[in-house]
Amino acid sequence: MAQQKPGFEDFIGTVDSGSRDFVRALHGIFTEHGCKLEIKEAKSGYVVSYLLNRKTVMNYVFRRKGLLARIYAGHIAGYMELLESLPVALTAQLRAAPDCKRLLNTAACNSKCAMGYDFILQDQRLQKCRYSAFLIPVCEENNPTIEALLTRELAFCSQKA
């Protein structure tokens, strides 16, 4: 018998109770924008992806620290001013994220690796890896930032549709 694919309710059941309402609210925002939901099982829990126009906008991933939102901020240049209002801890995390090797030297990384993000944060140019730059812990302090970044990214993605 074929194994049934996990659904949103399977995933939400593994999210800590303090984050469930926020995750459900974001799910509603993604649904309103016509995003496709993909859920896969991994060693550390589910990997949940939201796609718009066949491009991933965000993943939820589980780590030892808890649930993380990986935002693919491909249009960050259009809303960099939002970065100026990040909480101090997120600003530090963003600065500490690994640099994108392909942005620094196109021959330094695998040619199939998608380039990262080139943006300005507090008057400093940063060139960060797309897989770790906006990998944000889901928690009460960070949730408004996650929602704001996603809302802006979805607006840009929807314009291209």
N, C-alpha and C. Protein backbone atom coordinates (compact mmCIF):
# COMPACT_ATOMS: atom_id res chain seq x y z
N MET A 1 0.84 -1.18 0.00
CA MET A 1 0.00 0.00 0.00
C MET A 1 0.89 1.25 0.00
N ALA A 2 0.53 2.23 -0.80
CA ALA A 2 1.30 3.48 -0.89
C ALA A 2 1.16 4.29 0.39
N GLN A 3 2.28 4.86 0.79
CA GLN A 3 2.27 5.68 2.00
C GLN A 3 1.64 7.04 1.67
N GLN A 4 0.77 7.50 2.56
CA GLN A 4 0.09 8.77 2.34
C GLN A 4 1.05 9.93 2.58
N LYS A 5 0.97 10.93 1.69
CA LYS A 5 1.82 12.11 1.84
C LYS A 5 1.38 12.90 3.07
N PRO A 6 2.36 13.46 3.79
CA PRO A 6 1.98 14.28 4.95
C PRO A 6 1.27 15.55 4.50
N GLY A 7 0.33 16.00 5.32
CA GLY A 7 -0.42 17.22 5.02
C GLY A 7 -0.11 18.32 6.02
N PHE A 8 -0.75 19.46 5.84
CA PHE A 8 -0.50 20.61 6.70
C PHE A 8 -0.81 20.28 8.16
N GLU A 9 -1.88 19.54 8.41
CA GLU A 9 -2.24 19.22 9.79
C GLU A 9 -1.20 18.31 10.45
N ASP A 10 -0.57 17.44 9.67
CA ASP A 10 0.52 16.62 10.20
C ASP A 10 1.66 17.52 10.65
N PHE A 11 2.02 18.46 9.78
CA PHE A 11 3.10 19.40 10.09
C PHE A 11 2.75 20.26 11.31
N ILE A 12 1.58 20.86 11.32
CA ILE A 12 1.22 21.80 12.40
C ILE A 12 1.18 21.08 13.74
N GLY A 13 0.90 19.79 13.72
CA GLY A 13 0.91 19.01 14.95
C GLY A 13 2.28 18.87 15.57
N THR A 14 3.33 19.09 14.79
CA THR A 14 4.70 19.00 15.30
C THR A 14 5.28 20.35 15.71
N VAL A 15 4.54 21.42 15.41
CA VAL A 15 4.99 22.78 15.76
C VAL A 15 4.64 23.04 17.22
N ASP A 16 5.54 23.71 17.95
CA ASP A 16 5.24 23.97 19.36
C ASP A 16 4.01 24.86 19.47
N SER A 17 3.26 24.66 20.54
CA SER A 17 1.96 25.32 20.70
C SER A 17 2.05 26.84 20.66
N GLY A 18 3.17 27.41 21.08
CA GLY A 18 3.33 28.86 21.08
C GLY A 18 3.47 29.46 19.69
N SER A 19 3.80 28.63 18.70
CA SER A 19 4.01 29.13 17.33
C SER A 19 2.90 28.72 16.36
N ARG A 20 2.01 27.86 16.79
CA ARG A 20 0.99 27.33 15.87
C ARG A 20 0.10 28.41 15.27
N ASP A 21 -0.37 29.35 16.08
CA ASP A 21 -1.25 30.39 15.54
C ASP A 21 -0.54 31.21 14.47
N PHE A 22 0.73 31.53 14.73
CA PHE A 22 1.50 32.30 13.76
C PHE A 22 1.70 31.50 12.46
N VAL A 23 2.04 30.23 12.58
CA VAL A 23 2.26 29.39 11.40
C VAL A 23 0.96 29.25 10.61
N ARG A 24 -0.16 29.11 11.31
CA ARG A 24 -1.47 29.05 10.63
C ARG A 24 -1.77 30.37 9.91
N ALA A 25 -1.46 31.49 10.56
CA ALA A 25 -1.71 32.80 9.94
C ALA A 25 -0.87 32.96 8.67
N LEU A 26 0.40 32.58 8.73
CA LEU A 26 1.24 32.66 7.53
C LEU A 26 0.72 31.73 6.44
N HIS A 27 0.26 30.55 6.84
CA HIS A 27 -0.31 29.61 5.86
C HIS A 27 -1.48 30.29 5.13
N GLY A 28 -2.28 31.03 5.87
CA GLY A 28 -3.39 31.76 5.25
C GLY A 28 -2.91 32.81 4.25
N ILE A 29 -1.84 33.51 4.60
CA ILE A 29 -1.28 34.53 3.70
C ILE A 29 -0.77 33.86 2.42
N PHE A 30 -0.05 32.75 2.58
CA PHE A 30 0.45 32.04 1.40
C PHE A 30 -0.70 31.55 0.53
N THR A 31 -1.74 31.02 1.16
CA THR A 31 -2.89 30.52 0.43
C THR A 31 -3.57 31.65 -0.35
N GLU A 32 -3.72 32.81 0.28
CA GLU A 32 -4.33 33.97 -0.39
C GLU A 32 -3.55 34.38 -1.63
N HIS A 33 -2.24 34.20 -1.60
CA HIS A 33 -1.40 34.57 -2.74
C HIS A 33 -1.29 33.45 -3.78
N GLY A 34 -1.97 32.34 -3.53
CA GLY A 34 -1.96 31.24 -4.49
C GLY A 34 -0.73 30.36 -4.44
N CYS A 35 -0.04 30.35 -3.31
CA CYS A 35 1.17 29.54 -3.17
C CYS A 35 0.82 28.05 -3.08
N LYS A 36 1.69 27.25 -3.64
CA LYS A 36 1.57 25.80 -3.56
C LYS A 36 2.34 25.33 -2.33
N LEU A 37 1.77 24.38 -1.61
CA LEU A 37 2.39 23.83 -0.40
C LEU A 37 2.99 22.47 -0.72
N GLU A 38 4.26 22.28 -0.33
CA GLU A 38 4.92 20.98 -0.45
C GLU A 38 5.46 20.60 0.92
N ILE A 39 5.18 19.38 1.34
CA ILE A 39 5.65 18.90 2.64
C ILE A 39 6.40 17.59 2.42
N LYS A 40 7.62 17.53 2.93
CA LYS A 40 8.44 16.32 2.84
C LYS A 40 8.93 15.96 4.22
N GLU A 41 9.10 14.67 4.44
CA GLU A 41 9.63 14.22 5.73
C GLU A 41 11.16 14.22 5.66
N ALA A 42 11.78 14.66 6.76
CA ALA A 42 13.24 14.67 6.88
C ALA A 42 13.60 14.07 8.24
N LYS A 43 14.89 13.88 8.47
CA LYS A 43 15.34 13.29 9.74
C LYS A 43 14.87 14.10 10.94
N SER A 44 14.95 15.41 10.82
CA SER A 44 14.66 16.27 11.97
C SER A 44 13.21 16.74 12.02
N GLY A 45 12.37 16.22 11.15
CA GLY A 45 10.97 16.65 11.11
C GLY A 45 10.58 16.93 9.67
N TYR A 46 9.56 17.70 9.49
CA TYR A 46 9.09 18.02 8.15
C TYR A 46 9.87 19.20 7.57
N VAL A 47 10.01 19.18 6.25
CA VAL A 47 10.48 20.36 5.51
C VAL A 47 9.26 20.82 4.73
N VAL A 48 8.81 22.03 5.02
CA VAL A 48 7.60 22.57 4.43
C VAL A 48 7.98 23.73 3.53
N SER A 49 7.57 23.66 2.27
CA SER A 49 7.91 24.70 1.30
C SER A 49 6.65 25.33 0.73
N TYR A 50 6.72 26.63 0.53
CA TYR A 50 5.66 27.37 -0.14
C TYR A 50 6.25 27.90 -1.44
N LEU A 51 5.59 27.58 -2.56
CA LEU A 51 6.07 27.97 -3.88
C LEU A 51 5.06 28.87 -4.57
N LEU A 52 5.57 29.86 -5.27
CA LEU A 52 4.74 30.75 -6.09
C LEU A 52 5.42 30.85 -7.44
N ASN A 53 4.66 30.59 -8.49
CA ASN A 53 5.21 30.59 -9.85
C ASN A 53 6.40 29.63 -9.95
N ARG A 54 6.28 28.48 -9.32
CA ARG A 54 7.28 27.41 -9.31
C ARG A 54 8.61 27.79 -8.65
N LYS A 55 8.61 28.86 -7.88
CA LYS A 55 9.81 29.26 -7.13
C LYS A 55 9.50 29.25 -5.65
N THR A 56 10.42 28.71 -4.87
CA THR A 56 10.21 28.63 -3.43
C THR A 56 10.33 30.02 -2.81
N VAL A 57 9.33 30.39 -2.03
CA VAL A 57 9.32 31.68 -1.33
C VAL A 57 9.83 31.50 0.09
N MET A 58 9.47 30.35 0.70
CA MET A 58 9.89 30.10 2.07
C MET A 58 9.84 28.61 2.38
N ASN A 59 10.73 28.18 3.29
CA ASN A 59 10.70 26.82 3.86
C ASN A 59 10.58 26.95 5.37
N TYR A 60 9.92 26.00 5.96
CA TYR A 60 10.04 25.77 7.40
C TYR A 60 10.96 24.58 7.55
N VAL A 61 11.94 24.68 8.42
CA VAL A 61 12.82 23.55 8.72
C VAL A 61 12.94 23.41 10.23
N PHE A 62 13.09 22.18 10.67
CA PHE A 62 13.28 21.92 12.10
C PHE A 62 14.76 21.72 12.37
N ARG A 63 15.24 22.35 13.41
CA ARG A 63 16.61 22.18 13.89
C ARG A 63 16.54 21.96 15.39
N ARG A 64 17.70 21.68 16.00
CA ARG A 64 17.72 21.50 17.46
C ARG A 64 17.18 22.72 18.18
N LYS A 65 17.41 23.89 17.61
CA LYS A 65 16.95 25.14 18.23
C LYS A 65 15.45 25.34 18.08
N GLY A 66 14.81 24.53 17.24
CA GLY A 66 13.38 24.67 17.03
C GLY A 66 13.05 24.92 15.57
N LEU A 67 11.89 25.48 15.34
CA LEU A 67 11.40 25.73 13.99
C LEU A 67 12.04 27.00 13.43
N LEU A 68 12.54 26.90 12.19
CA LEU A 68 13.15 28.04 11.52
C LEU A 68 12.41 28.30 10.21
N ALA A 69 12.32 29.57 9.85
CA ALA A 69 11.76 29.96 8.56
C ALA A 69 12.91 30.42 7.67
N ARG A 70 13.08 29.76 6.53
CA ARG A 70 14.09 30.18 5.55
C ARG A 70 13.35 30.95 4.47
N ILE A 71 13.58 32.25 4.45
CA ILE A 71 12.92 33.12 3.48
C ILE A 71 13.85 33.31 2.29
N TYR A 72 13.33 33.06 1.11
CA TYR A 72 14.09 33.30 -0.12
C TYR A 72 13.72 34.70 -0.61
N ALA A 73 14.51 35.66 -0.19
CA ALA A 73 14.22 37.08 -0.42
C ALA A 73 14.84 37.55 -1.73
N GLY A 74 14.43 36.97 -2.82
CA GLY A 74 14.99 37.28 -4.13
C GLY A 74 14.81 38.72 -4.57
N HIS A 75 13.85 39.41 -3.98
CA HIS A 75 13.58 40.80 -4.35
C HIS A 75 13.96 41.77 -3.24
N ILE A 76 14.92 41.37 -2.39
CA ILE A 76 15.30 42.17 -1.23
C ILE A 76 15.70 43.60 -1.61
N ALA A 77 16.25 43.78 -2.79
CA ALA A 77 16.64 45.13 -3.22
C ALA A 77 15.44 46.08 -3.26
N GLY A 78 14.25 45.53 -3.43
CA GLY A 78 13.05 46.35 -3.50
C GLY A 78 12.47 46.75 -2.15
N TYR A 79 12.97 46.15 -1.09
CA TYR A 79 12.44 46.50 0.24
C TYR A 79 13.53 46.47 1.32
N MET A 80 14.72 46.93 0.94
CA MET A 80 15.85 46.95 1.89
C MET A 80 15.57 47.82 3.11
N GLU A 81 14.73 48.83 2.95
CA GLU A 81 14.44 49.72 4.09
C GLU A 81 13.84 48.94 5.25
N LEU A 82 13.20 47.83 4.97
CA LEU A 82 12.62 46.99 6.01
C LEU A 82 13.71 46.41 6.93
N LEU A 83 14.89 46.21 6.39
CA LEU A 83 16.00 45.65 7.18
C LEU A 83 16.46 46.60 8.28
N GLU A 84 16.22 47.88 8.11
CA GLU A 84 16.65 48.86 9.11
C GLU A 84 15.87 48.72 10.42
N SER A 85 14.71 48.07 10.37
CA SER A 85 13.89 47.93 11.58
C SER A 85 13.99 46.53 12.20
N LEU A 86 14.97 45.74 11.75
CA LEU A 86 15.13 44.40 12.32
C LEU A 86 15.52 44.46 13.79
N PRO A 87 15.08 43.49 14.59
CA PRO A 87 15.56 43.40 15.97
C PRO A 87 17.09 43.24 15.96
N VAL A 88 17.73 43.71 17.02
CA VAL A 88 19.20 43.67 17.11
C VAL A 88 19.74 42.26 16.91
N ALA A 89 19.10 41.27 17.51
CA ALA A 89 19.58 39.89 17.40
C ALA A 89 19.54 39.41 15.95
N LEU A 90 18.50 39.78 15.21
CA LEU A 90 18.41 39.37 13.81
C LEU A 90 19.43 40.10 12.95
N THR A 91 19.69 41.35 13.26
CA THR A 91 20.72 42.10 12.53
C THR A 91 22.07 41.42 12.71
N ALA A 92 22.37 41.03 13.94
CA ALA A 92 23.64 40.34 14.22
C ALA A 92 23.69 39.00 13.50
N GLN A 93 22.58 38.28 13.49
CA GLN A 93 22.51 36.98 12.81
C GLN A 93 22.72 37.15 11.31
N LEU A 94 22.13 38.18 10.74
CA LEU A 94 22.26 38.45 9.31
C LEU A 94 23.71 38.77 8.95
N ARG A 95 24.35 39.57 9.78
CA ARG A 95 25.77 39.91 9.54
C ARG A 95 26.66 38.67 9.67
N ALA A 96 26.30 37.76 10.58
CA ALA A 96 27.12 36.57 10.84
C ALA A 96 26.89 35.46 9.82
N ALA A 97 25.83 35.56 9.03
CA ALA A 97 25.55 34.53 8.02
C ALA A 97 26.72 34.43 7.04
N PRO A 98 26.97 33.23 6.52
CA PRO A 98 28.08 33.06 5.58
C PRO A 98 27.92 33.94 4.34
N ASP A 99 29.04 34.43 3.84
CA ASP A 99 29.02 35.20 2.60
C ASP A 99 28.74 34.27 1.43
N CYS A 100 28.18 34.82 0.37
CA CYS A 100 27.92 34.06 -0.84
C CYS A 100 29.21 34.00 -1.66
N LYS A 101 29.73 32.81 -1.82
CA LYS A 101 30.98 32.64 -2.57
C LYS A 101 30.83 33.05 -4.03
N ARG A 102 29.67 32.77 -4.61
CA ARG A 102 29.45 33.10 -6.03
C ARG A 102 29.37 34.59 -6.26
N LEU A 103 28.84 35.35 -5.30
CA LEU A 103 28.80 36.80 -5.46
C LEU A 103 30.19 37.40 -5.33
N LEU A 104 31.00 36.81 -4.48
CA LEU A 104 32.35 37.32 -4.27
C LEU A 104 33.30 36.91 -5.39
N ASN A 105 33.10 35.69 -5.94
CA ASN A 105 33.94 35.18 -7.01
C ASN A 105 33.15 34.07 -7.69
N THR A 106 32.66 34.30 -8.89
CA THR A 106 31.76 33.34 -9.54
C THR A 106 32.37 31.95 -9.71
N ALA A 107 33.67 31.85 -9.72
CA ALA A 107 34.32 30.54 -9.88
C ALA A 107 34.51 29.82 -8.54
N ALA A 108 34.22 30.48 -7.44
CA ALA A 108 34.50 29.92 -6.11
C ALA A 108 33.46 28.93 -5.62
N CYS A 109 32.33 28.87 -6.26
CA CYS A 109 31.25 27.98 -5.80
C CYS A 109 30.73 27.17 -6.97
N ASN A 110 29.99 26.15 -6.69
CA ASN A 110 29.38 25.31 -7.71
C ASN A 110 28.53 26.18 -8.64
N SER A 111 28.68 25.98 -9.93
CA SER A 111 27.95 26.80 -10.90
C SER A 111 26.44 26.57 -10.84
N LYS A 112 26.01 25.46 -10.25
CA LYS A 112 24.58 25.18 -10.11
C LYS A 112 23.98 25.82 -8.85
N CYS A 113 24.83 26.31 -7.99
CA CYS A 113 24.37 26.96 -6.76
C CYS A 113 23.74 28.31 -7.11
N ALA A 114 22.55 28.54 -6.62
CA ALA A 114 21.89 29.83 -6.86
C ALA A 114 22.62 30.92 -6.09
N MET A 115 22.80 32.06 -6.73
CA MET A 115 23.50 33.16 -6.07
C MET A 115 22.70 33.67 -4.88
N GLY A 116 23.43 34.25 -3.95
CA GLY A 116 22.83 34.79 -2.75
C GLY A 116 22.31 36.20 -2.95
N TYR A 117 22.31 36.95 -1.86
CA TYR A 117 21.71 38.29 -1.86
C TYR A 117 22.76 39.35 -1.64
N ASP A 118 22.63 40.43 -2.38
CA ASP A 118 23.51 41.59 -2.29
C ASP A 118 22.63 42.74 -1.82
N PHE A 119 22.86 43.24 -0.61
CA PHE A 119 22.00 44.27 -0.04
C PHE A 119 22.78 45.14 0.93
N ILE A 120 22.14 46.22 1.34
CA ILE A 120 22.74 47.17 2.28
C ILE A 120 22.00 47.05 3.61
N LEU A 121 22.77 46.91 4.69
CA LEU A 121 22.21 46.88 6.04
C LEU A 121 22.98 47.88 6.88
N GLN A 122 22.28 48.90 7.33
CA GLN A 122 22.89 49.94 8.16
C GLN A 122 24.18 50.47 7.53
N ASP A 123 24.06 50.90 6.28
CA ASP A 123 25.15 51.50 5.51
C ASP A 123 26.31 50.56 5.22
N GLN A 124 26.10 49.26 5.38
CA GLN A 124 27.15 48.29 5.07
C GLN A 124 26.64 47.33 4.00
N ARG A 125 27.42 47.16 2.94
CA ARG A 125 27.05 46.22 1.88
C ARG A 125 27.35 44.80 2.35
N LEU A 126 26.35 43.94 2.20
CA LEU A 126 26.49 42.53 2.57
C LEU A 126 26.17 41.67 1.35
N GLN A 127 26.89 40.59 1.19
CA GLN A 127 26.65 39.62 0.12
C GLN A 127 26.55 38.25 0.78
N LYS A 128 25.33 37.83 1.07
CA LYS A 128 25.11 36.65 1.90
C LYS A 128 24.51 35.48 1.12
N CYS A 129 24.81 34.29 1.60
CA CYS A 129 24.31 33.05 1.02
C CYS A 129 22.78 32.99 1.14
N ARG A 130 22.12 32.60 0.08
CA ARG A 130 20.65 32.58 0.07
C ARG A 130 20.08 31.52 1.00
N TYR A 131 20.86 30.52 1.36
CA TYR A 131 20.35 29.44 2.20
C TYR A 131 20.45 29.72 3.69
N SER A 132 21.26 30.69 4.07
CA SER A 132 21.41 30.97 5.50
C SER A 132 21.17 32.43 5.88
N ALA A 133 21.12 33.33 4.92
CA ALA A 133 20.96 34.75 5.25
C ALA A 133 19.67 35.01 6.02
N PHE A 134 18.56 34.55 5.48
CA PHE A 134 17.27 34.81 6.10
C PHE A 134 16.69 33.52 6.68
N LEU A 135 17.50 32.82 7.45
CA LEU A 135 17.08 31.62 8.17
C LEU A 135 16.78 32.07 9.60
N ILE A 136 15.51 32.32 9.86
CA ILE A 136 15.08 33.03 11.07
C ILE A 136 14.31 32.11 12.01
N PRO A 137 14.71 32.06 13.28
CA PRO A 137 13.94 31.26 14.25
C PRO A 137 12.51 31.80 14.39
N VAL A 138 11.55 30.89 14.37
CA VAL A 138 10.15 31.27 14.57
C VAL A 138 9.94 31.42 16.07
N CYS A 139 9.72 32.66 16.51
CA CYS A 139 9.47 32.95 17.92
C CYS A 139 8.75 34.29 18.00
N GLU A 140 8.20 34.58 19.15
CA GLU A 140 7.39 35.78 19.32
C GLU A 140 8.12 37.05 18.90
N GLU A 141 9.40 37.15 19.23
CA GLU A 141 10.17 38.36 18.88
C GLU A 141 10.38 38.50 17.37
N ASN A 142 10.60 37.38 16.68
CA ASN A 142 10.91 37.42 15.25
C ASN A 142 9.70 37.35 14.33
N ASN A 143 8.57 36.89 14.83
CA ASN A 143 7.41 36.67 13.97
C ASN A 143 6.96 37.90 13.19
N PRO A 144 6.92 39.10 13.79
CA PRO A 144 6.54 40.27 12.98
C PRO A 144 7.50 40.52 11.82
N THR A 145 8.78 40.28 12.03
CA THR A 145 9.77 40.47 10.97
C THR A 145 9.57 39.43 9.87
N ILE A 146 9.36 38.19 10.25
CA ILE A 146 9.12 37.13 9.27
C ILE A 146 7.91 37.49 8.41
N GLU A 147 6.83 37.89 9.05
CA GLU A 147 5.61 38.23 8.31
C GLU A 147 5.83 39.43 7.39
N ALA A 148 6.53 40.45 7.88
CA ALA A 148 6.78 41.65 7.06
C ALA A 148 7.64 41.31 5.84
N LEU A 149 8.70 40.54 6.03
CA LEU A 149 9.56 40.15 4.91
C LEU A 149 8.78 39.33 3.88
N LEU A 150 7.99 38.38 4.36
CA LEU A 150 7.23 37.54 3.44
C LEU A 150 6.15 38.32 2.70
N THR A 151 5.49 39.21 3.39
CA THR A 151 4.45 40.02 2.75
C THR A 151 5.05 40.83 1.60
N ARG A 152 6.20 41.43 1.85
CA ARG A 152 6.86 42.23 0.80
C ARG A 152 7.36 41.34 -0.34
N GLU A 153 7.95 40.21 -0.01
CA GLU A 153 8.45 39.30 -1.05
C GLU A 153 7.30 38.77 -1.90
N LEU A 154 6.20 38.39 -1.27
CA LEU A 154 5.04 37.90 -2.01
C LEU A 154 4.46 38.97 -2.92
N ALA A 155 4.47 40.22 -2.46
CA ALA A 155 3.98 41.32 -3.29
C ALA A 155 4.82 41.45 -4.55
N PHE A 156 6.13 41.35 -4.42
CA PHE A 156 7.01 41.43 -5.59
C PHE A 156 6.81 40.23 -6.50
N CYS A 157 6.70 39.04 -5.92
CA CYS A 157 6.50 37.83 -6.73
C CYS A 157 5.18 37.88 -7.48
N SER A 158 4.15 38.41 -6.84
CA SER A 158 2.82 38.49 -7.46
C SER A 158 2.80 39.46 -8.63
N GLN A 159 3.63 40.51 -8.57
CA GLN A 159 3.69 41.48 -9.66
C GLN A 159 4.23 40.84 -10.93
N LYS A 160 5.11 39.86 -10.77
CA LYS A 160 5.73 39.22 -11.93
C LYS A 160 4.82 38.17 -12.56
N ALA A 161 3.78 37.77 -11.84
CA ALA A 161 2.91 36.69 -12.33
C ALA A 161 2.09 37.14 -13.53
